[in-house]
Amino acid sequence: MMKNFSGAIAWSSWGMEFALALVIFTMSGKYLDKRFLTSPVFTLIGFALALAVGFASLFGTIRRLDSLEKDDSKDK
């Protein structure tokens, strides 16, 4: 039971991290585009950075869940 609960928490945490990175980096890019009049350049860079951060977070979540699963199987 606890294994399923910790997995759900880890996945919801990843979703929040991904959404937050997407909003922060994309909005920062939009701000820089308005400030320097470079219309989609910084927005696209911010979006790409958000994707990179999101996928790095995804791989970290997968590693963490995999190690929890391995530890759980050792206890049995």
N, C-alpha and C. Protein backbone atom coordinates (compact mmCIF):
# COMPACT_ATOMS: atom_id res chain seq x y z
N MET A 1 0.83 -1.20 0.00
CA MET A 1 0.00 0.00 0.00
C MET A 1 0.86 1.25 0.00
N MET A 2 1.87 1.28 0.84
CA MET A 2 2.72 2.46 0.94
C MET A 2 3.49 2.68 -0.36
N LYS A 3 3.86 1.57 -1.05
CA LYS A 3 4.58 1.68 -2.31
C LYS A 3 3.74 2.42 -3.34
N ASN A 4 2.48 2.08 -3.45
CA ASN A 4 1.60 2.74 -4.41
C ASN A 4 1.39 4.20 -4.04
N PHE A 5 1.29 4.48 -2.77
CA PHE A 5 1.09 5.86 -2.31
C PHE A 5 2.31 6.71 -2.60
N SER A 6 3.50 6.19 -2.32
CA SER A 6 4.72 6.96 -2.59
C SER A 6 4.92 7.16 -4.08
N GLY A 7 4.52 6.19 -4.90
CA GLY A 7 4.60 6.36 -6.35
C GLY A 7 3.67 7.44 -6.84
N ALA A 8 2.47 7.50 -6.29
CA ALA A 8 1.52 8.54 -6.68
C ALA A 8 2.02 9.92 -6.29
N ILE A 9 2.63 10.01 -5.13
CA ILE A 9 3.18 11.29 -4.69
C ILE A 9 4.33 11.71 -5.59
N ALA A 10 5.19 10.76 -5.96
CA ALA A 10 6.32 11.08 -6.82
C ALA A 10 5.85 11.57 -8.19
N TRP A 11 4.84 10.92 -8.76
CA TRP A 11 4.35 11.33 -10.09
C TRP A 11 3.63 12.67 -10.04
N SER A 12 2.88 12.91 -8.98
CA SER A 12 2.22 14.21 -8.88
C SER A 12 3.24 15.32 -8.64
N SER A 13 4.29 15.01 -7.91
CA SER A 13 5.36 15.97 -7.70
C SER A 13 6.05 16.30 -9.02
N TRP A 14 6.29 15.28 -9.84
CA TRP A 14 6.89 15.52 -11.15
C TRP A 14 5.99 16.40 -12.01
N GLY A 15 4.71 16.15 -11.97
CA GLY A 15 3.77 16.96 -12.76
C GLY A 15 3.80 18.42 -12.35
N MET A 16 3.86 18.67 -11.06
CA MET A 16 3.92 20.05 -10.58
C MET A 16 5.25 20.71 -10.97
N GLU A 17 6.35 19.98 -10.87
CA GLU A 17 7.65 20.52 -11.25
C GLU A 17 7.67 20.87 -12.74
N PHE A 18 7.11 19.98 -13.56
CA PHE A 18 7.09 20.20 -15.01
C PHE A 18 6.23 21.42 -15.35
N ALA A 19 5.06 21.51 -14.76
CA ALA A 19 4.16 22.64 -15.03
C ALA A 19 4.78 23.95 -14.56
N LEU A 20 5.39 23.94 -13.39
CA LEU A 20 6.01 25.15 -12.87
C LEU A 20 7.18 25.60 -13.74
N ALA A 21 8.01 24.66 -14.16
CA ALA A 21 9.13 25.01 -15.04
C ALA A 21 8.62 25.57 -16.36
N LEU A 22 7.58 24.97 -16.89
CA LEU A 22 7.01 25.44 -18.16
C LEU A 22 6.50 26.87 -18.04
N VAL A 23 5.78 27.15 -16.98
CA VAL A 23 5.25 28.50 -16.79
C VAL A 23 6.36 29.51 -16.55
N ILE A 24 7.29 29.20 -15.66
CA ILE A 24 8.34 30.16 -15.30
C ILE A 24 9.24 30.47 -16.50
N PHE A 25 9.74 29.44 -17.17
CA PHE A 25 10.68 29.68 -18.27
C PHE A 25 10.00 30.31 -19.48
N THR A 26 8.78 29.89 -19.79
CA THR A 26 8.09 30.47 -20.94
C THR A 26 7.70 31.92 -20.67
N MET A 27 7.20 32.21 -19.50
CA MET A 27 6.83 33.58 -19.19
C MET A 27 8.06 34.49 -19.09
N SER A 28 9.15 33.95 -18.60
CA SER A 28 10.40 34.73 -18.58
C SER A 28 10.85 35.04 -20.00
N GLY A 29 10.70 34.07 -20.89
CA GLY A 29 11.04 34.30 -22.29
C GLY A 29 10.15 35.35 -22.93
N LYS A 30 8.87 35.31 -22.61
CA LYS A 30 7.96 36.34 -23.15
C LYS A 30 8.33 37.72 -22.64
N TYR A 31 8.70 37.81 -21.36
CA TYR A 31 9.12 39.09 -20.79
C TYR A 31 10.37 39.61 -21.52
N LEU A 32 11.35 38.73 -21.72
CA LEU A 32 12.58 39.16 -22.39
C LEU A 32 12.31 39.55 -23.85
N ASP A 33 11.39 38.86 -24.50
CA ASP A 33 11.02 39.23 -25.87
C ASP A 33 10.41 40.62 -25.92
N LYS A 34 9.55 40.93 -24.98
CA LYS A 34 8.96 42.28 -24.95
C LYS A 34 10.02 43.33 -24.63
N ARG A 35 10.91 43.00 -23.73
CA ARG A 35 11.92 43.97 -23.32
C ARG A 35 12.91 44.28 -24.44
N PHE A 36 13.33 43.25 -25.18
CA PHE A 36 14.35 43.44 -26.22
C PHE A 36 13.78 43.42 -27.64
N LEU A 37 12.44 43.35 -27.77
CA LEU A 37 11.76 43.35 -29.07
C LEU A 37 12.30 42.27 -30.02
N THR A 38 12.37 41.06 -29.50
CA THR A 38 12.88 39.93 -30.28
C THR A 38 11.85 38.82 -30.35
N SER A 39 10.69 39.13 -30.83
CA SER A 39 9.47 38.36 -30.61
C SER A 39 9.58 36.87 -30.36
N PRO A 40 9.73 35.92 -31.12
CA PRO A 40 9.59 34.59 -30.49
C PRO A 40 10.87 33.97 -29.97
N VAL A 41 11.99 34.66 -30.06
CA VAL A 41 13.28 34.04 -29.76
C VAL A 41 13.38 33.57 -28.32
N PHE A 42 13.25 34.47 -27.37
CA PHE A 42 13.41 34.10 -25.96
C PHE A 42 12.27 33.22 -25.45
N THR A 43 11.09 33.38 -26.03
CA THR A 43 9.98 32.51 -25.64
C THR A 43 10.29 31.06 -26.03
N LEU A 44 10.81 30.87 -27.22
CA LEU A 44 11.17 29.52 -27.66
C LEU A 44 12.34 28.95 -26.86
N ILE A 45 13.29 29.80 -26.54
CA ILE A 45 14.41 29.35 -25.71
C ILE A 45 13.91 28.96 -24.32
N GLY A 46 13.03 29.77 -23.76
CA GLY A 46 12.45 29.45 -22.45
C GLY A 46 11.66 28.16 -22.48
N PHE A 47 10.90 27.95 -23.55
CA PHE A 47 10.12 26.72 -23.69
C PHE A 47 11.05 25.51 -23.79
N ALA A 48 12.13 25.64 -24.57
CA ALA A 48 13.09 24.53 -24.71
C ALA A 48 13.77 24.23 -23.37
N LEU A 49 14.12 25.27 -22.63
CA LEU A 49 14.71 25.06 -21.30
C LEU A 49 13.73 24.38 -20.35
N ALA A 50 12.47 24.77 -20.44
CA ALA A 50 11.44 24.15 -19.60
C ALA A 50 11.30 22.67 -19.92
N LEU A 51 11.34 22.33 -21.20
CA LEU A 51 11.28 20.92 -21.58
C LEU A 51 12.48 20.15 -21.05
N ALA A 52 13.66 20.76 -21.16
CA ALA A 52 14.88 20.10 -20.67
C ALA A 52 14.81 19.87 -19.17
N VAL A 53 14.37 20.88 -18.43
CA VAL A 53 14.26 20.74 -16.97
C VAL A 53 13.18 19.71 -16.63
N GLY A 54 12.08 19.73 -17.35
CA GLY A 54 11.00 18.78 -17.10
C GLY A 54 11.42 17.34 -17.34
N PHE A 55 12.14 17.10 -18.43
CA PHE A 55 12.57 15.73 -18.71
C PHE A 55 13.69 15.28 -17.77
N ALA A 56 14.54 16.20 -17.34
CA ALA A 56 15.55 15.84 -16.34
C ALA A 56 14.85 15.45 -15.03
N SER A 57 13.81 16.18 -14.69
CA SER A 57 13.03 15.85 -13.50
C SER A 57 12.34 14.50 -13.67
N LEU A 58 11.86 14.22 -14.88
CA LEU A 58 11.21 12.93 -15.16
C LEU A 58 12.18 11.78 -14.94
N PHE A 59 13.39 11.91 -15.46
CA PHE A 59 14.37 10.85 -15.29
C PHE A 59 14.75 10.68 -13.82
N GLY A 60 14.82 11.77 -13.08
CA GLY A 60 15.09 11.67 -11.64
C GLY A 60 13.97 10.95 -10.91
N THR A 61 12.74 11.23 -11.30
CA THR A 61 11.60 10.56 -10.68
C THR A 61 11.60 9.07 -10.99
N ILE A 62 11.92 8.72 -12.22
CA ILE A 62 11.98 7.31 -12.60
C ILE A 62 13.07 6.60 -11.82
N ARG A 63 14.24 7.22 -11.69
CA ARG A 63 15.32 6.62 -10.91
C ARG A 63 14.91 6.41 -9.45
N ARG A 64 14.28 7.42 -8.88
CA ARG A 64 13.86 7.33 -7.48
C ARG A 64 12.84 6.21 -7.28
N LEU A 65 11.87 6.11 -8.19
CA LEU A 65 10.87 5.06 -8.06
C LEU A 65 11.49 3.68 -8.30
N ASP A 66 12.45 3.60 -9.21
CA ASP A 66 13.12 2.33 -9.47
C ASP A 66 13.91 1.88 -8.25
N SER A 67 14.59 2.82 -7.59
CA SER A 67 15.35 2.45 -6.39
C SER A 67 14.41 2.05 -5.25
N LEU A 68 13.26 2.71 -5.15
CA LEU A 68 12.29 2.31 -4.13
C LEU A 68 11.77 0.90 -4.40
N GLU A 69 11.54 0.60 -5.66
CA GLU A 69 11.05 -0.73 -6.03
C GLU A 69 12.10 -1.80 -5.75
N LYS A 70 13.36 -1.49 -6.04
CA LYS A 70 14.44 -2.45 -5.77
C LYS A 70 14.59 -2.68 -4.27
N ASP A 71 14.51 -1.60 -3.48
CA ASP A 71 14.60 -1.73 -2.03
C ASP A 71 13.45 -2.55 -1.47
N ASP A 72 12.26 -2.34 -2.05
CA ASP A 72 11.09 -3.07 -1.61
C ASP A 72 11.20 -4.56 -1.93
N SER A 73 11.78 -4.89 -3.09
CA SER A 73 11.92 -6.30 -3.45
C SER A 73 13.01 -6.98 -2.62
N LYS A 74 14.00 -6.23 -2.14
CA LYS A 74 15.04 -6.80 -1.27
C LYS A 74 14.49 -7.15 0.10
N ASP A 75 13.50 -6.39 0.55
CA ASP A 75 12.91 -6.62 1.88
C ASP A 75 12.08 -7.88 1.92
N LYS A 76 11.63 -8.36 0.79
CA LYS A 76 10.76 -9.55 0.78
C LYS A 76 11.50 -10.82 0.89
